Amino acid sequence: MPFKEKSVDISLACEILEHLSKNDGRLLLNELERISRNLIIVSSPIGWPQEEIYGNPYEKHISEWKPEEFENLGYKIEVFDAVVLPRTLKLVDKMRRTIFRLPHPRLIIAHKILTF
């Protein structure tokens, strides 16, 4: 990234890591740590497979991050249900997940307070 070391107060990466390989995701987290002074906030879905959308290959999820991976990197984490739907759509979503044996999607919010 074209930023000087410790040049931004807060870095925010929402729904990016799952579009990168694990290696590239770790490189991104390292780069965020390099440029950030105070805080890094990252979010990534769990159990939310996704293919290309409208022919865009960059929409595909190619990795999935687990809460313990963030914890091993020094992040504190919270895990939330990722689907907030009206009651009728919740039933449809639940049936679809049951029929196709899909996991219930959740969202990891991870943050790391930096001290230097």
N, C-alpha and C. Protein backbone atom coordinates (compact mmCIF):
# COMPACT_ATOMS: atom_id res chain seq x y z
N MET A 1 0.85 -1.18 0.00
CA MET A 1 0.00 0.00 0.00
C MET A 1 0.89 1.24 0.00
N PRO A 2 0.48 2.25 -0.69
CA PRO A 2 1.34 3.44 -0.81
C PRO A 2 1.21 4.39 0.39
N PHE A 3 1.32 3.83 1.58
CA PHE A 3 1.25 4.64 2.80
C PHE A 3 2.53 4.45 3.59
N LYS A 4 2.94 5.49 4.28
CA LYS A 4 4.11 5.40 5.13
C LYS A 4 3.77 4.55 6.36
N GLU A 5 4.79 4.03 6.98
CA GLU A 5 4.62 3.24 8.19
C GLU A 5 3.93 4.07 9.28
N LYS A 6 2.94 3.48 9.91
CA LYS A 6 2.16 4.10 11.01
C LYS A 6 1.58 5.45 10.59
N SER A 7 1.07 5.54 9.36
CA SER A 7 0.58 6.82 8.85
C SER A 7 -0.94 6.99 8.95
N VAL A 8 -1.67 5.94 9.32
CA VAL A 8 -3.12 6.08 9.49
C VAL A 8 -3.49 5.65 10.90
N ASP A 9 -4.51 6.27 11.45
CA ASP A 9 -4.93 5.93 12.81
C ASP A 9 -5.64 4.59 12.86
N ILE A 10 -6.59 4.39 11.95
CA ILE A 10 -7.43 3.19 11.96
C ILE A 10 -7.51 2.61 10.55
N SER A 11 -7.38 1.29 10.45
CA SER A 11 -7.59 0.59 9.18
C SER A 11 -8.83 -0.28 9.31
N LEU A 12 -9.64 -0.29 8.26
CA LEU A 12 -10.88 -1.05 8.24
C LEU A 12 -10.91 -1.89 6.97
N ALA A 13 -11.05 -3.21 7.11
CA ALA A 13 -11.13 -4.11 5.95
C ALA A 13 -12.37 -4.98 6.12
N CYS A 14 -13.45 -4.59 5.46
CA CYS A 14 -14.72 -5.31 5.57
C CYS A 14 -14.94 -6.20 4.36
N GLU A 15 -15.15 -7.47 4.62
CA GLU A 15 -15.50 -8.44 3.58
C GLU A 15 -14.48 -8.44 2.44
N ILE A 16 -13.21 -8.50 2.78
CA ILE A 16 -12.15 -8.54 1.78
C ILE A 16 -11.38 -9.85 1.84
N LEU A 17 -11.03 -10.29 3.03
CA LEU A 17 -10.13 -11.44 3.18
C LEU A 17 -10.61 -12.69 2.46
N GLU A 18 -11.92 -12.94 2.46
CA GLU A 18 -12.45 -14.16 1.84
C GLU A 18 -12.29 -14.16 0.32
N HIS A 19 -11.97 -13.03 -0.25
CA HIS A 19 -11.76 -12.93 -1.70
C HIS A 19 -10.29 -13.14 -2.06
N LEU A 20 -9.45 -13.35 -1.05
CA LEU A 20 -8.01 -13.53 -1.25
C LEU A 20 -7.60 -14.93 -0.81
N SER A 21 -6.49 -15.40 -1.32
CA SER A 21 -5.92 -16.64 -0.79
C SER A 21 -5.49 -16.39 0.65
N LYS A 22 -5.30 -17.46 1.41
CA LYS A 22 -4.86 -17.28 2.80
C LYS A 22 -3.54 -16.52 2.85
N ASN A 23 -2.61 -16.86 1.95
CA ASN A 23 -1.31 -16.19 1.94
C ASN A 23 -1.49 -14.69 1.66
N ASP A 24 -2.27 -14.34 0.64
CA ASP A 24 -2.50 -12.93 0.33
C ASP A 24 -3.26 -12.22 1.46
N GLY A 25 -4.16 -12.94 2.12
CA GLY A 25 -4.88 -12.37 3.26
C GLY A 25 -3.93 -12.04 4.41
N ARG A 26 -2.99 -12.93 4.69
CA ARG A 26 -2.00 -12.66 5.73
C ARG A 26 -1.12 -11.47 5.35
N LEU A 27 -0.78 -11.38 4.06
CA LEU A 27 0.01 -10.23 3.59
C LEU A 27 -0.76 -8.93 3.79
N LEU A 28 -2.07 -8.95 3.50
CA LEU A 28 -2.89 -7.76 3.71
C LEU A 28 -2.92 -7.38 5.20
N LEU A 29 -3.14 -8.36 6.08
CA LEU A 29 -3.17 -8.06 7.51
C LEU A 29 -1.83 -7.51 7.98
N ASN A 30 -0.74 -8.05 7.48
CA ASN A 30 0.59 -7.53 7.83
C ASN A 30 0.75 -6.09 7.36
N GLU A 31 0.26 -5.80 6.17
CA GLU A 31 0.36 -4.45 5.63
C GLU A 31 -0.51 -3.47 6.43
N LEU A 32 -1.69 -3.91 6.83
CA LEU A 32 -2.54 -3.06 7.67
C LEU A 32 -1.86 -2.75 9.00
N GLU A 33 -1.19 -3.76 9.53
CA GLU A 33 -0.47 -3.53 10.79
C GLU A 33 0.71 -2.57 10.59
N ARG A 34 1.34 -2.64 9.44
CA ARG A 34 2.47 -1.75 9.15
C ARG A 34 2.03 -0.29 9.07
N ILE A 35 0.90 -0.03 8.43
CA ILE A 35 0.50 1.36 8.19
C ILE A 35 -0.36 1.96 9.31
N SER A 36 -0.89 1.10 10.20
CA SER A 36 -1.84 1.58 11.23
C SER A 36 -1.14 1.95 12.53
N ARG A 37 -1.63 3.01 13.15
CA ARG A 37 -1.09 3.46 14.43
C ARG A 37 -1.85 2.89 15.62
N ASN A 38 -3.20 2.89 15.53
CA ASN A 38 -3.99 2.60 16.72
C ASN A 38 -4.86 1.34 16.66
N LEU A 39 -5.50 1.11 15.53
CA LEU A 39 -6.52 0.07 15.50
C LEU A 39 -6.70 -0.50 14.11
N ILE A 40 -6.92 -1.82 14.05
CA ILE A 40 -7.30 -2.51 12.81
C ILE A 40 -8.62 -3.21 13.08
N ILE A 41 -9.58 -3.03 12.19
CA ILE A 41 -10.87 -3.72 12.28
C ILE A 41 -11.06 -4.50 10.99
N VAL A 42 -11.41 -5.77 11.12
CA VAL A 42 -11.57 -6.65 9.98
C VAL A 42 -12.87 -7.43 10.15
N SER A 43 -13.60 -7.65 9.06
CA SER A 43 -14.74 -8.55 9.11
C SER A 43 -14.63 -9.56 7.99
N SER A 44 -15.13 -10.77 8.26
CA SER A 44 -15.08 -11.84 7.26
C SER A 44 -16.18 -12.84 7.59
N PRO A 45 -16.89 -13.33 6.57
CA PRO A 45 -17.97 -14.28 6.82
C PRO A 45 -17.46 -15.70 7.07
N ILE A 46 -18.28 -16.46 7.81
CA ILE A 46 -18.06 -17.90 8.02
C ILE A 46 -19.27 -18.61 7.43
N GLY A 47 -19.04 -19.67 6.71
CA GLY A 47 -20.15 -20.46 6.18
C GLY A 47 -20.97 -19.72 5.14
N TRP A 48 -20.30 -18.99 4.30
CA TRP A 48 -20.99 -18.18 3.31
C TRP A 48 -20.31 -18.36 1.96
N PRO A 49 -20.43 -19.56 1.37
CA PRO A 49 -19.78 -19.77 0.07
C PRO A 49 -20.39 -18.85 -0.98
N GLN A 50 -19.56 -18.40 -1.87
CA GLN A 50 -20.07 -17.48 -2.90
C GLN A 50 -19.25 -17.67 -4.17
N GLU A 51 -19.93 -17.80 -5.28
CA GLU A 51 -19.29 -17.91 -6.59
C GLU A 51 -19.25 -16.53 -7.24
N GLU A 52 -18.85 -16.50 -8.48
CA GLU A 52 -18.86 -15.25 -9.23
C GLU A 52 -20.27 -14.68 -9.26
N ILE A 53 -20.38 -13.38 -9.24
CA ILE A 53 -21.69 -12.71 -9.34
C ILE A 53 -21.66 -11.86 -10.60
N TYR A 54 -22.67 -12.04 -11.44
CA TYR A 54 -22.76 -11.31 -12.72
C TYR A 54 -21.46 -11.43 -13.52
N GLY A 55 -20.84 -12.62 -13.46
CA GLY A 55 -19.63 -12.85 -14.22
C GLY A 55 -18.37 -12.22 -13.66
N ASN A 56 -18.47 -11.63 -12.47
CA ASN A 56 -17.31 -10.97 -11.85
C ASN A 56 -16.54 -11.99 -11.01
N PRO A 57 -15.37 -12.44 -11.46
CA PRO A 57 -14.62 -13.45 -10.71
C PRO A 57 -14.11 -12.97 -9.35
N TYR A 58 -14.04 -11.65 -9.17
CA TYR A 58 -13.54 -11.12 -7.89
C TYR A 58 -14.57 -11.24 -6.77
N GLU A 59 -15.81 -11.56 -7.10
CA GLU A 59 -16.84 -11.75 -6.08
C GLU A 59 -16.75 -13.12 -5.41
N LYS A 60 -16.01 -14.05 -6.01
CA LYS A 60 -15.92 -15.41 -5.49
C LYS A 60 -15.16 -15.43 -4.17
N HIS A 61 -15.68 -16.20 -3.21
CA HIS A 61 -14.98 -16.41 -1.95
C HIS A 61 -14.01 -17.57 -2.15
N ILE A 62 -12.73 -17.32 -1.98
CA ILE A 62 -11.74 -18.37 -2.20
C ILE A 62 -11.06 -18.84 -0.92
N SER A 63 -11.36 -18.20 0.19
CA SER A 63 -10.85 -18.67 1.48
C SER A 63 -11.89 -18.39 2.56
N GLU A 64 -11.76 -19.12 3.65
CA GLU A 64 -12.63 -18.87 4.80
C GLU A 64 -11.74 -18.77 6.03
N TRP A 65 -11.94 -17.73 6.79
CA TRP A 65 -11.15 -17.48 7.99
C TRP A 65 -11.92 -17.92 9.21
N LYS A 66 -11.25 -18.53 10.12
CA LYS A 66 -11.85 -19.03 11.37
C LYS A 66 -11.51 -18.05 12.50
N PRO A 67 -12.39 -17.97 13.50
CA PRO A 67 -12.10 -17.07 14.63
C PRO A 67 -10.73 -17.29 15.26
N GLU A 68 -10.35 -18.56 15.41
CA GLU A 68 -9.06 -18.84 16.07
C GLU A 68 -7.86 -18.36 15.24
N GLU A 69 -8.03 -18.24 13.93
CA GLU A 69 -6.93 -17.70 13.11
C GLU A 69 -6.68 -16.24 13.46
N PHE A 70 -7.75 -15.48 13.66
CA PHE A 70 -7.59 -14.08 14.07
C PHE A 70 -7.02 -14.00 15.47
N GLU A 71 -7.53 -14.85 16.37
CA GLU A 71 -7.01 -14.84 17.74
C GLU A 71 -5.52 -15.16 17.77
N ASN A 72 -5.08 -16.11 16.93
CA ASN A 72 -3.66 -16.46 16.87
C ASN A 72 -2.80 -15.31 16.37
N LEU A 73 -3.42 -14.38 15.65
CA LEU A 73 -2.71 -13.20 15.16
C LEU A 73 -2.83 -12.00 16.10
N GLY A 74 -3.42 -12.22 17.28
CA GLY A 74 -3.52 -11.17 18.28
C GLY A 74 -4.79 -10.33 18.22
N TYR A 75 -5.78 -10.77 17.44
CA TYR A 75 -7.05 -10.04 17.33
C TYR A 75 -8.03 -10.53 18.38
N LYS A 76 -8.87 -9.64 18.83
CA LYS A 76 -10.02 -10.00 19.64
C LYS A 76 -11.19 -10.14 18.67
N ILE A 77 -12.07 -11.11 18.92
CA ILE A 77 -13.11 -11.38 17.93
C ILE A 77 -14.49 -11.44 18.58
N GLU A 78 -15.49 -11.16 17.76
CA GLU A 78 -16.90 -11.38 18.06
C GLU A 78 -17.47 -12.07 16.82
N VAL A 79 -18.39 -13.02 17.04
CA VAL A 79 -19.04 -13.70 15.92
C VAL A 79 -20.53 -13.42 16.00
N PHE A 80 -21.12 -13.00 14.89
CA PHE A 80 -22.53 -12.63 14.82
C PHE A 80 -23.22 -13.42 13.73
N ASP A 81 -24.54 -13.61 13.88
CA ASP A 81 -25.33 -14.13 12.78
C ASP A 81 -25.26 -13.12 11.65
N ALA A 82 -25.00 -13.62 10.44
CA ALA A 82 -24.81 -12.72 9.30
C ALA A 82 -26.09 -12.44 8.54
N VAL A 83 -27.14 -13.22 8.80
CA VAL A 83 -28.37 -13.05 8.04
C VAL A 83 -29.44 -12.45 8.95
N VAL A 84 -29.83 -11.25 8.62
CA VAL A 84 -30.94 -10.60 9.30
C VAL A 84 -32.04 -10.44 8.26
N LEU A 85 -33.04 -11.31 8.35
CA LEU A 85 -34.09 -11.35 7.34
C LEU A 85 -35.47 -11.20 7.98
N PRO A 86 -36.45 -10.73 7.20
CA PRO A 86 -37.82 -10.76 7.69
C PRO A 86 -38.23 -12.20 7.97
N ARG A 87 -39.24 -12.39 8.79
CA ARG A 87 -39.66 -13.71 9.25
C ARG A 87 -39.92 -14.68 8.08
N THR A 88 -40.62 -14.24 7.04
CA THR A 88 -40.93 -15.15 5.93
C THR A 88 -39.66 -15.56 5.19
N LEU A 89 -38.73 -14.64 5.00
CA LEU A 89 -37.49 -15.00 4.31
C LEU A 89 -36.60 -15.88 5.19
N LYS A 90 -36.70 -15.74 6.52
CA LYS A 90 -35.94 -16.61 7.41
C LYS A 90 -36.36 -18.06 7.20
N LEU A 91 -37.66 -18.30 7.04
CA LEU A 91 -38.16 -19.65 6.82
C LEU A 91 -37.62 -20.20 5.49
N VAL A 92 -37.67 -19.40 4.44
CA VAL A 92 -37.15 -19.82 3.13
C VAL A 92 -35.66 -20.10 3.23
N ASP A 93 -34.91 -19.23 3.88
CA ASP A 93 -33.48 -19.41 4.04
C ASP A 93 -33.18 -20.68 4.83
N LYS A 94 -33.95 -20.92 5.88
CA LYS A 94 -33.73 -22.12 6.70
C LYS A 94 -34.01 -23.38 5.88
N MET A 95 -35.08 -23.39 5.08
CA MET A 95 -35.39 -24.55 4.24
C MET A 95 -34.27 -24.77 3.22
N ARG A 96 -33.81 -23.71 2.59
CA ARG A 96 -32.75 -23.82 1.59
C ARG A 96 -31.47 -24.38 2.21
N ARG A 97 -31.15 -23.90 3.38
CA ARG A 97 -29.94 -24.38 4.05
C ARG A 97 -30.08 -25.83 4.48
N THR A 98 -31.28 -26.23 4.88
CA THR A 98 -31.51 -27.61 5.28
C THR A 98 -31.44 -28.53 4.07
N ILE A 99 -32.11 -28.18 2.99
CA ILE A 99 -32.13 -29.02 1.78
C ILE A 99 -30.73 -29.18 1.20
N PHE A 100 -30.00 -28.09 1.11
CA PHE A 100 -28.67 -28.13 0.49
C PHE A 100 -27.54 -28.31 1.50
N ARG A 101 -27.92 -28.54 2.76
CA ARG A 101 -26.95 -28.76 3.84
C ARG A 101 -25.90 -27.65 3.92
N LEU A 102 -26.38 -26.43 3.84
CA LEU A 102 -25.49 -25.27 3.94
C LEU A 102 -25.39 -24.83 5.39
N PRO A 103 -24.23 -24.41 5.83
CA PRO A 103 -24.11 -23.91 7.20
C PRO A 103 -24.80 -22.56 7.34
N HIS A 104 -25.17 -22.23 8.55
CA HIS A 104 -25.76 -20.92 8.82
C HIS A 104 -24.65 -19.89 8.77
N PRO A 105 -24.79 -18.87 7.93
CA PRO A 105 -23.70 -17.89 7.80
C PRO A 105 -23.54 -17.04 9.06
N ARG A 106 -22.31 -16.82 9.39
CA ARG A 106 -21.98 -15.95 10.51
C ARG A 106 -20.90 -14.96 10.04
N LEU A 107 -20.71 -13.93 10.80
CA LEU A 107 -19.76 -12.89 10.46
C LEU A 107 -18.79 -12.69 11.62
N ILE A 108 -17.51 -12.74 11.31
CA ILE A 108 -16.48 -12.45 12.32
C ILE A 108 -16.15 -10.96 12.23
N ILE A 109 -16.18 -10.31 13.38
CA ILE A 109 -15.65 -8.95 13.50
C ILE A 109 -14.43 -9.07 14.39
N ALA A 110 -13.28 -8.75 13.84
CA ALA A 110 -12.03 -8.88 14.59
C ALA A 110 -11.39 -7.49 14.70
N HIS A 111 -10.79 -7.24 15.85
CA HIS A 111 -10.08 -5.97 15.98
C HIS A 111 -8.79 -6.19 16.75
N LYS A 112 -7.84 -5.35 16.44
CA LYS A 112 -6.54 -5.41 17.09
C LYS A 112 -6.13 -4.00 17.47
N ILE A 113 -5.92 -3.80 18.74
CA ILE A 113 -5.44 -2.50 19.23
C ILE A 113 -3.92 -2.56 19.19
N LEU A 114 -3.34 -1.59 18.54
CA LEU A 114 -1.90 -1.58 18.34
C LEU A 114 -1.22 -0.71 19.39
N THR A 115 -0.14 -1.22 19.90
CA THR A 115 0.69 -0.44 20.81
C THR A 115 2.11 -0.49 20.28
N PHE A 116 2.73 0.64 20.21
CA PHE A 116 4.11 0.67 19.71
C PHE A 116 4.91 1.66 20.52
